[in-house]
Amino acid sequence: MFKRNVSPTETTQPIPSVERITSVLGPGVIWQGSINGSGGVRIEGAFEGEIALRGLLVVGETGRVTCENIRANTVIVAGAVRGNITTEKLEIRSTGRVWGDVVTTAFVTEEGAFLRGQIRMEETVELDLGPPPEGTPSEISEIPPSQEE
């Protein structure tokens, strides 16, 4: 009675991913510093420092991140994060662990996920990522060959 009639020829299409991973910090890698810019980053190793990313940040199951404040458009946590997160969308998977406060417009969690901190839901989130970088990798010209002979 309440079910929608579905024709046998109707098929569902997967939702295309707008954001994709462009950089990976692999398992066994330990990195200290900052990650700034645009694109998608997946962390499977250990990272300590600052993250300000216009794009997607994925902390994989083996990933360990320690930051004072993570700022990214979308953050998916399947590993461990120690630090505050400011994002438009946060997803904590069942294996994800977060110690820190969260400011977000959208929050998704799976059963078994862990969060120790406060969640503040806002209508909009100011990420303060600065102006978008000029040019894309395809617009950056190649370095001319050396004139030495």
N, C-alpha and C. Protein backbone atom coordinates (compact mmCIF):
# COMPACT_ATOMS: atom_id res chain seq x y z
N MET A 1 0.80 -1.18 0.00
CA MET A 1 0.00 0.00 0.00
C MET A 1 0.85 1.27 0.00
N PHE A 2 1.94 1.29 0.80
CA PHE A 2 2.77 2.47 0.87
C PHE A 2 4.03 2.33 0.03
N LYS A 3 4.24 1.20 -0.57
CA LYS A 3 5.44 0.99 -1.36
C LYS A 3 5.31 1.67 -2.71
N ARG A 4 6.41 2.20 -3.17
CA ARG A 4 6.44 2.83 -4.48
C ARG A 4 6.53 1.75 -5.53
N ASN A 5 5.77 1.89 -6.59
CA ASN A 5 5.84 0.92 -7.68
C ASN A 5 7.14 1.10 -8.44
N VAL A 6 7.88 0.03 -8.57
CA VAL A 6 9.16 0.07 -9.28
C VAL A 6 9.05 -0.87 -10.46
N SER A 7 9.34 -0.33 -11.62
CA SER A 7 9.28 -1.19 -12.81
C SER A 7 10.52 -2.07 -12.86
N PRO A 8 10.43 -3.28 -13.42
CA PRO A 8 11.57 -4.18 -13.46
C PRO A 8 12.73 -3.63 -14.28
N THR A 9 12.48 -2.69 -15.18
CA THR A 9 13.58 -2.14 -15.98
C THR A 9 14.28 -0.99 -15.29
N GLU A 10 13.72 -0.48 -14.19
CA GLU A 10 14.33 0.64 -13.48
C GLU A 10 15.53 0.13 -12.68
N THR A 11 16.66 0.77 -12.86
CA THR A 11 17.85 0.39 -12.11
C THR A 11 18.36 1.60 -11.34
N THR A 12 19.01 1.33 -10.23
CA THR A 12 19.57 2.42 -9.45
C THR A 12 21.02 2.62 -9.86
N GLN A 13 21.40 3.86 -9.97
CA GLN A 13 22.77 4.22 -10.32
C GLN A 13 23.49 4.69 -9.06
N PRO A 14 24.75 4.30 -8.89
CA PRO A 14 25.49 4.78 -7.73
C PRO A 14 25.69 6.29 -7.83
N ILE A 15 25.70 6.93 -6.69
CA ILE A 15 25.93 8.37 -6.67
C ILE A 15 27.40 8.62 -6.97
N PRO A 16 27.72 9.43 -7.98
CA PRO A 16 29.12 9.66 -8.31
C PRO A 16 29.81 10.43 -7.20
N SER A 17 31.06 10.10 -6.95
CA SER A 17 31.85 10.77 -5.93
C SER A 17 32.36 12.09 -6.48
N VAL A 18 31.98 13.18 -5.84
CA VAL A 18 32.43 14.49 -6.27
C VAL A 18 33.89 14.67 -5.86
N GLU A 19 34.22 14.15 -4.69
CA GLU A 19 35.57 14.29 -4.17
C GLU A 19 36.29 12.96 -4.32
N ARG A 20 37.56 13.03 -4.67
CA ARG A 20 38.31 11.80 -4.81
C ARG A 20 39.67 11.96 -4.15
N ILE A 21 40.28 10.86 -3.84
CA ILE A 21 41.58 10.86 -3.18
C ILE A 21 42.66 11.16 -4.20
N THR A 22 43.48 12.17 -3.91
CA THR A 22 44.59 12.51 -4.80
C THR A 22 45.94 12.27 -4.15
N SER A 23 45.98 12.11 -2.82
CA SER A 23 47.23 11.87 -2.10
C SER A 23 47.00 10.85 -0.99
N VAL A 24 48.01 10.00 -0.76
CA VAL A 24 47.90 8.96 0.27
C VAL A 24 49.15 8.97 1.13
N LEU A 25 48.95 8.95 2.45
CA LEU A 25 50.03 8.74 3.40
C LEU A 25 49.87 7.29 3.85
N GLY A 26 50.73 6.42 3.34
CA GLY A 26 50.55 4.99 3.50
C GLY A 26 50.82 4.46 4.89
N PRO A 27 50.42 3.20 5.13
CA PRO A 27 50.66 2.57 6.42
C PRO A 27 52.16 2.47 6.68
N GLY A 28 52.55 2.65 7.91
CA GLY A 28 53.96 2.57 8.26
C GLY A 28 54.70 3.89 8.10
N VAL A 29 54.07 4.89 7.50
CA VAL A 29 54.70 6.20 7.31
C VAL A 29 54.32 7.10 8.48
N ILE A 30 55.33 7.79 9.03
CA ILE A 30 55.10 8.75 10.12
C ILE A 30 55.48 10.12 9.58
N TRP A 31 54.54 11.09 9.66
CA TRP A 31 54.76 12.41 9.08
C TRP A 31 54.40 13.48 10.08
N GLN A 32 55.28 14.49 10.21
CA GLN A 32 54.99 15.65 11.04
C GLN A 32 55.06 16.88 10.15
N GLY A 33 54.10 17.78 10.29
CA GLY A 33 54.10 18.98 9.46
C GLY A 33 52.70 19.47 9.23
N SER A 34 52.46 19.94 8.00
CA SER A 34 51.13 20.46 7.69
C SER A 34 50.67 19.96 6.34
N ILE A 35 49.37 19.79 6.23
CA ILE A 35 48.73 19.43 4.97
C ILE A 35 47.78 20.58 4.66
N ASN A 36 48.07 21.30 3.58
CA ASN A 36 47.25 22.44 3.15
C ASN A 36 47.00 22.31 1.67
N GLY A 37 45.84 22.77 1.21
CA GLY A 37 45.59 22.78 -0.22
C GLY A 37 44.23 22.24 -0.57
N SER A 38 44.14 21.74 -1.80
CA SER A 38 42.89 21.22 -2.34
C SER A 38 43.08 19.78 -2.76
N GLY A 39 41.99 19.02 -2.74
CA GLY A 39 42.04 17.63 -3.18
C GLY A 39 41.64 16.71 -2.06
N GLY A 40 41.78 15.43 -2.31
CA GLY A 40 41.44 14.41 -1.34
C GLY A 40 42.69 13.78 -0.78
N VAL A 41 42.75 13.62 0.54
CA VAL A 41 43.91 13.02 1.21
C VAL A 41 43.43 11.85 2.05
N ARG A 42 44.13 10.72 1.92
CA ARG A 42 43.85 9.54 2.75
C ARG A 42 45.08 9.29 3.61
N ILE A 43 44.87 9.14 4.92
CA ILE A 43 45.96 8.88 5.86
C ILE A 43 45.79 7.49 6.42
N GLU A 44 46.75 6.62 6.13
CA GLU A 44 46.77 5.25 6.67
C GLU A 44 47.92 5.09 7.65
N GLY A 45 48.84 6.05 7.68
CA GLY A 45 49.97 6.03 8.60
C GLY A 45 49.68 6.93 9.79
N ALA A 46 50.76 7.53 10.35
CA ALA A 46 50.63 8.43 11.49
C ALA A 46 50.97 9.85 11.04
N PHE A 47 50.13 10.80 11.42
CA PHE A 47 50.35 12.20 11.07
C PHE A 47 50.16 13.07 12.30
N GLU A 48 51.09 14.03 12.48
CA GLU A 48 50.97 14.99 13.57
C GLU A 48 51.27 16.37 13.00
N GLY A 49 50.38 17.31 13.25
CA GLY A 49 50.60 18.65 12.73
C GLY A 49 49.32 19.40 12.51
N GLU A 50 49.21 20.04 11.33
CA GLU A 50 48.07 20.88 11.00
C GLU A 50 47.47 20.42 9.68
N ILE A 51 46.13 20.39 9.62
CA ILE A 51 45.44 20.03 8.37
C ILE A 51 44.41 21.11 8.06
N ALA A 52 44.55 21.73 6.89
CA ALA A 52 43.58 22.71 6.37
C ALA A 52 43.39 22.34 4.91
N LEU A 53 42.31 21.66 4.61
CA LEU A 53 42.14 21.03 3.30
C LEU A 53 40.82 21.40 2.67
N ARG A 54 40.89 21.90 1.46
CA ARG A 54 39.68 22.17 0.67
C ARG A 54 39.40 20.87 -0.09
N GLY A 55 38.60 20.01 0.52
CA GLY A 55 38.32 18.72 -0.09
C GLY A 55 38.03 17.67 0.96
N LEU A 56 38.38 16.44 0.64
CA LEU A 56 38.06 15.27 1.45
C LEU A 56 39.28 14.80 2.23
N LEU A 57 39.10 14.55 3.52
CA LEU A 57 40.13 13.93 4.35
C LEU A 57 39.58 12.60 4.85
N VAL A 58 40.31 11.51 4.58
CA VAL A 58 39.94 10.19 5.06
C VAL A 58 41.05 9.69 5.97
N VAL A 59 40.70 9.35 7.20
CA VAL A 59 41.63 8.70 8.12
C VAL A 59 41.25 7.24 8.11
N GLY A 60 42.07 6.41 7.43
CA GLY A 60 41.77 5.00 7.28
C GLY A 60 41.90 4.24 8.58
N GLU A 61 41.54 2.96 8.56
CA GLU A 61 41.54 2.14 9.78
C GLU A 61 42.90 2.09 10.46
N THR A 62 43.99 2.14 9.71
CA THR A 62 45.32 2.12 10.32
C THR A 62 45.86 3.52 10.55
N GLY A 63 45.09 4.55 10.21
CA GLY A 63 45.53 5.94 10.34
C GLY A 63 45.43 6.46 11.75
N ARG A 64 46.43 7.28 12.12
CA ARG A 64 46.47 7.92 13.44
C ARG A 64 46.82 9.39 13.21
N VAL A 65 45.93 10.30 13.59
CA VAL A 65 46.13 11.73 13.35
C VAL A 65 46.05 12.48 14.67
N THR A 66 47.04 13.36 14.90
CA THR A 66 47.04 14.24 16.06
C THR A 66 47.19 15.66 15.55
N CYS A 67 46.16 16.47 15.74
CA CYS A 67 46.14 17.87 15.28
C CYS A 67 45.41 18.71 16.31
N GLU A 68 45.82 19.98 16.44
CA GLU A 68 45.06 20.87 17.30
C GLU A 68 43.68 21.10 16.70
N ASN A 69 43.63 21.34 15.38
CA ASN A 69 42.35 21.55 14.71
C ASN A 69 42.45 21.08 13.27
N ILE A 70 41.58 20.17 12.88
CA ILE A 70 41.49 19.71 11.50
C ILE A 70 40.38 20.51 10.84
N ARG A 71 40.69 21.10 9.67
CA ARG A 71 39.69 21.85 8.90
C ARG A 71 39.67 21.27 7.50
N ALA A 72 38.51 20.76 7.09
CA ALA A 72 38.34 20.19 5.75
C ALA A 72 36.86 20.20 5.41
N ASN A 73 36.56 20.17 4.11
CA ASN A 73 35.15 20.17 3.70
C ASN A 73 34.44 18.92 4.19
N THR A 74 35.06 17.75 4.01
CA THR A 74 34.48 16.48 4.43
C THR A 74 35.55 15.68 5.15
N VAL A 75 35.20 15.09 6.29
CA VAL A 75 36.14 14.26 7.04
C VAL A 75 35.47 12.92 7.31
N ILE A 76 36.17 11.84 6.95
CA ILE A 76 35.71 10.48 7.24
C ILE A 76 36.76 9.83 8.12
N VAL A 77 36.34 9.32 9.29
CA VAL A 77 37.27 8.74 10.25
C VAL A 77 36.96 7.26 10.43
N ALA A 78 37.92 6.41 10.06
CA ALA A 78 37.83 4.98 10.33
C ALA A 78 38.96 4.56 11.26
N GLY A 79 39.91 5.47 11.51
CA GLY A 79 41.04 5.23 12.40
C GLY A 79 40.89 6.07 13.66
N ALA A 80 42.00 6.70 14.10
CA ALA A 80 41.99 7.48 15.33
C ALA A 80 42.39 8.92 15.07
N VAL A 81 41.63 9.84 15.64
CA VAL A 81 41.92 11.27 15.53
C VAL A 81 41.91 11.87 16.93
N ARG A 82 42.99 12.59 17.25
CA ARG A 82 43.06 13.35 18.50
C ARG A 82 43.19 14.81 18.12
N GLY A 83 42.11 15.56 18.34
CA GLY A 83 42.10 16.97 17.99
C GLY A 83 40.70 17.39 17.59
N ASN A 84 40.50 18.69 17.54
CA ASN A 84 39.20 19.23 17.18
C ASN A 84 39.01 19.18 15.67
N ILE A 85 37.77 19.02 15.24
CA ILE A 85 37.45 18.91 13.82
C ILE A 85 36.40 19.96 13.47
N THR A 86 36.71 20.76 12.45
CA THR A 86 35.76 21.72 11.89
C THR A 86 35.54 21.32 10.44
N THR A 87 34.31 20.95 10.10
CA THR A 87 34.04 20.40 8.77
C THR A 87 32.58 20.62 8.40
N GLU A 88 32.32 20.58 7.10
CA GLU A 88 30.94 20.65 6.65
C GLU A 88 30.23 19.32 6.89
N LYS A 89 30.98 18.20 6.76
CA LYS A 89 30.39 16.88 7.00
C LYS A 89 31.41 15.98 7.67
N LEU A 90 31.02 15.37 8.78
CA LEU A 90 31.87 14.41 9.49
C LEU A 90 31.17 13.06 9.49
N GLU A 91 31.93 12.04 9.13
CA GLU A 91 31.43 10.66 9.20
C GLU A 91 32.42 9.85 10.02
N ILE A 92 31.93 9.24 11.10
CA ILE A 92 32.77 8.36 11.92
C ILE A 92 32.30 6.94 11.69
N ARG A 93 33.19 6.14 11.12
CA ARG A 93 32.86 4.74 10.83
C ARG A 93 32.91 3.91 12.10
N SER A 94 32.48 2.66 12.02
CA SER A 94 32.40 1.79 13.21
C SER A 94 33.75 1.58 13.87
N THR A 95 34.84 1.65 13.11
CA THR A 95 36.18 1.48 13.67
C THR A 95 36.81 2.81 14.06
N GLY A 96 36.11 3.92 13.83
CA GLY A 96 36.66 5.25 14.06
C GLY A 96 36.62 5.66 15.52
N ARG A 97 37.67 6.42 15.91
CA ARG A 97 37.79 6.93 17.27
C ARG A 97 38.18 8.40 17.18
N VAL A 98 37.43 9.27 17.86
CA VAL A 98 37.73 10.70 17.85
C VAL A 98 37.75 11.21 19.28
N TRP A 99 38.85 11.89 19.64
CA TRP A 99 38.98 12.57 20.92
C TRP A 99 39.12 14.05 20.60
N GLY A 100 38.05 14.81 20.75
CA GLY A 100 38.08 16.24 20.45
C GLY A 100 36.69 16.75 20.16
N ASP A 101 36.59 18.07 20.08
CA ASP A 101 35.31 18.71 19.82
C ASP A 101 35.09 18.83 18.32
N VAL A 102 33.82 18.82 17.93
CA VAL A 102 33.44 18.84 16.51
C VAL A 102 32.49 20.01 16.26
N VAL A 103 32.75 20.75 15.17
CA VAL A 103 31.81 21.76 14.67
C VAL A 103 31.50 21.34 13.24
N THR A 104 30.22 21.12 12.93
CA THR A 104 29.85 20.59 11.62
C THR A 104 28.42 20.97 11.25
N THR A 105 28.10 20.82 9.97
CA THR A 105 26.72 21.00 9.52
C THR A 105 26.03 19.66 9.32
N ALA A 106 26.81 18.59 9.18
CA ALA A 106 26.24 17.25 8.97
C ALA A 106 27.10 16.24 9.71
N PHE A 107 26.46 15.32 10.42
CA PHE A 107 27.18 14.33 11.23
C PHE A 107 26.58 12.96 11.00
N VAL A 108 27.43 12.00 10.64
CA VAL A 108 27.01 10.62 10.42
C VAL A 108 27.91 9.72 11.26
N THR A 109 27.30 8.76 11.94
CA THR A 109 28.10 7.83 12.73
C THR A 109 27.54 6.42 12.57
N GLU A 110 28.44 5.45 12.60
CA GLU A 110 28.03 4.05 12.54
C GLU A 110 28.05 3.47 13.94
N GLU A 111 27.29 2.41 14.13
CA GLU A 111 27.28 1.72 15.42
C GLU A 111 28.69 1.23 15.73
N GLY A 112 29.15 1.52 16.95
CA GLY A 112 30.49 1.12 17.36
C GLY A 112 31.50 2.24 17.29
N ALA A 113 31.16 3.34 16.63
CA ALA A 113 32.06 4.49 16.55
C ALA A 113 32.21 5.11 17.93
N PHE A 114 33.34 5.82 18.15
CA PHE A 114 33.63 6.42 19.45
C PHE A 114 33.92 7.90 19.27
N LEU A 115 33.32 8.73 20.12
CA LEU A 115 33.59 10.17 20.14
C LEU A 115 33.60 10.64 21.58
N ARG A 116 34.73 11.20 22.01
CA ARG A 116 34.80 11.83 23.32
C ARG A 116 35.04 13.31 23.08
N GLY A 117 33.99 14.09 23.26
CA GLY A 117 34.05 15.52 23.02
C GLY A 117 32.65 16.04 22.78
N GLN A 118 32.57 17.29 22.41
CA GLN A 118 31.27 17.90 22.16
C GLN A 118 31.04 18.04 20.66
N ILE A 119 29.77 17.95 20.27
CA ILE A 119 29.39 18.18 18.88
C ILE A 119 28.54 19.44 18.85
N ARG A 120 28.94 20.38 18.00
CA ARG A 120 28.14 21.59 17.81
C ARG A 120 27.68 21.63 16.37
N MET A 121 26.38 21.50 16.17
CA MET A 121 25.80 21.53 14.83
C MET A 121 25.48 22.98 14.47
N GLU A 122 25.90 23.39 13.27
CA GLU A 122 25.67 24.74 12.79
C GLU A 122 24.99 24.68 11.43
N GLU A 123 24.31 25.75 11.05
CA GLU A 123 23.72 25.82 9.71
C GLU A 123 24.79 25.96 8.64
N THR A 124 25.83 26.72 8.95
CA THR A 124 27.00 26.83 8.07
C THR A 124 28.24 26.79 8.93
N VAL A 125 29.35 26.37 8.33
CA VAL A 125 30.62 26.27 9.04
C VAL A 125 31.65 27.09 8.28
N GLU A 126 32.36 27.95 8.99
CA GLU A 126 33.43 28.74 8.38
C GLU A 126 34.74 27.98 8.56
N LEU A 127 35.31 27.51 7.45
CA LEU A 127 36.52 26.71 7.51
C LEU A 127 37.79 27.56 7.51
N ASP A 128 37.71 28.82 7.09
CA ASP A 128 38.87 29.72 7.04
C ASP A 128 40.05 29.08 6.31
N LEU A 129 39.80 28.59 5.11
CA LEU A 129 40.85 27.94 4.32
C LEU A 129 41.59 28.92 3.41
N GLY A 130 41.20 30.18 3.43
CA GLY A 130 41.84 31.17 2.57
C GLY A 130 41.32 31.07 1.15
N PRO A 131 41.89 31.87 0.24
CA PRO A 131 41.43 31.83 -1.14
C PRO A 131 41.81 30.52 -1.81
N PRO A 132 41.02 30.07 -2.79
CA PRO A 132 41.37 28.84 -3.50
C PRO A 132 42.70 29.00 -4.20
N PRO A 133 43.48 27.93 -4.30
CA PRO A 133 44.76 28.02 -4.98
C PRO A 133 44.55 28.40 -6.44
N GLU A 134 45.48 29.20 -6.96
CA GLU A 134 45.38 29.62 -8.36
C GLU A 134 45.84 28.50 -9.26
N GLY A 135 45.03 28.22 -10.28
CA GLY A 135 45.39 27.18 -11.25
C GLY A 135 45.19 25.79 -10.70
N THR A 136 45.11 24.86 -11.58
CA THR A 136 45.04 23.46 -11.22
C THR A 136 46.28 22.81 -11.77
N PRO A 137 46.59 21.58 -11.36
CA PRO A 137 47.79 20.95 -11.89
C PRO A 137 47.84 20.94 -13.41
N SER A 138 46.69 20.84 -14.07
CA SER A 138 46.70 20.83 -15.53
C SER A 138 46.98 22.21 -16.11
N GLU A 139 46.79 23.26 -15.29
CA GLU A 139 47.04 24.61 -15.77
C GLU A 139 48.44 25.10 -15.46
N ILE A 140 49.18 24.36 -14.66
CA ILE A 140 50.54 24.76 -14.31
C ILE A 140 51.46 24.33 -15.44
N SER A 141 52.21 25.28 -15.96
CA SER A 141 53.07 24.96 -17.10
C SER A 141 54.29 24.18 -16.66
N GLU A 142 54.84 23.44 -17.58
CA GLU A 142 56.03 22.65 -17.30
C GLU A 142 57.24 23.56 -17.20
N ILE A 143 58.22 23.13 -16.45
CA ILE A 143 59.47 23.86 -16.35
C ILE A 143 60.22 23.67 -17.66
N PRO A 144 60.69 24.77 -18.29
CA PRO A 144 61.37 24.61 -19.57
C PRO A 144 62.67 23.84 -19.40
N PRO A 145 63.11 23.12 -20.44
CA PRO A 145 64.35 22.36 -20.34
C PRO A 145 65.53 23.29 -20.13
N SER A 146 66.56 22.75 -19.52
CA SER A 146 67.77 23.52 -19.24
C SER A 146 68.42 23.99 -20.53
N GLN A 147 68.97 25.21 -20.50
CA GLN A 147 69.64 25.77 -21.67
C GLN A 147 71.12 25.39 -21.70
N GLU A 148 71.56 24.64 -20.70
CA GLU A 148 72.97 24.23 -20.65
C GLU A 148 73.26 23.19 -21.72
N GLU A 149 74.42 23.32 -22.35
CA GLU A 149 74.83 22.33 -23.35
C GLU A 149 76.27 22.00 -23.19
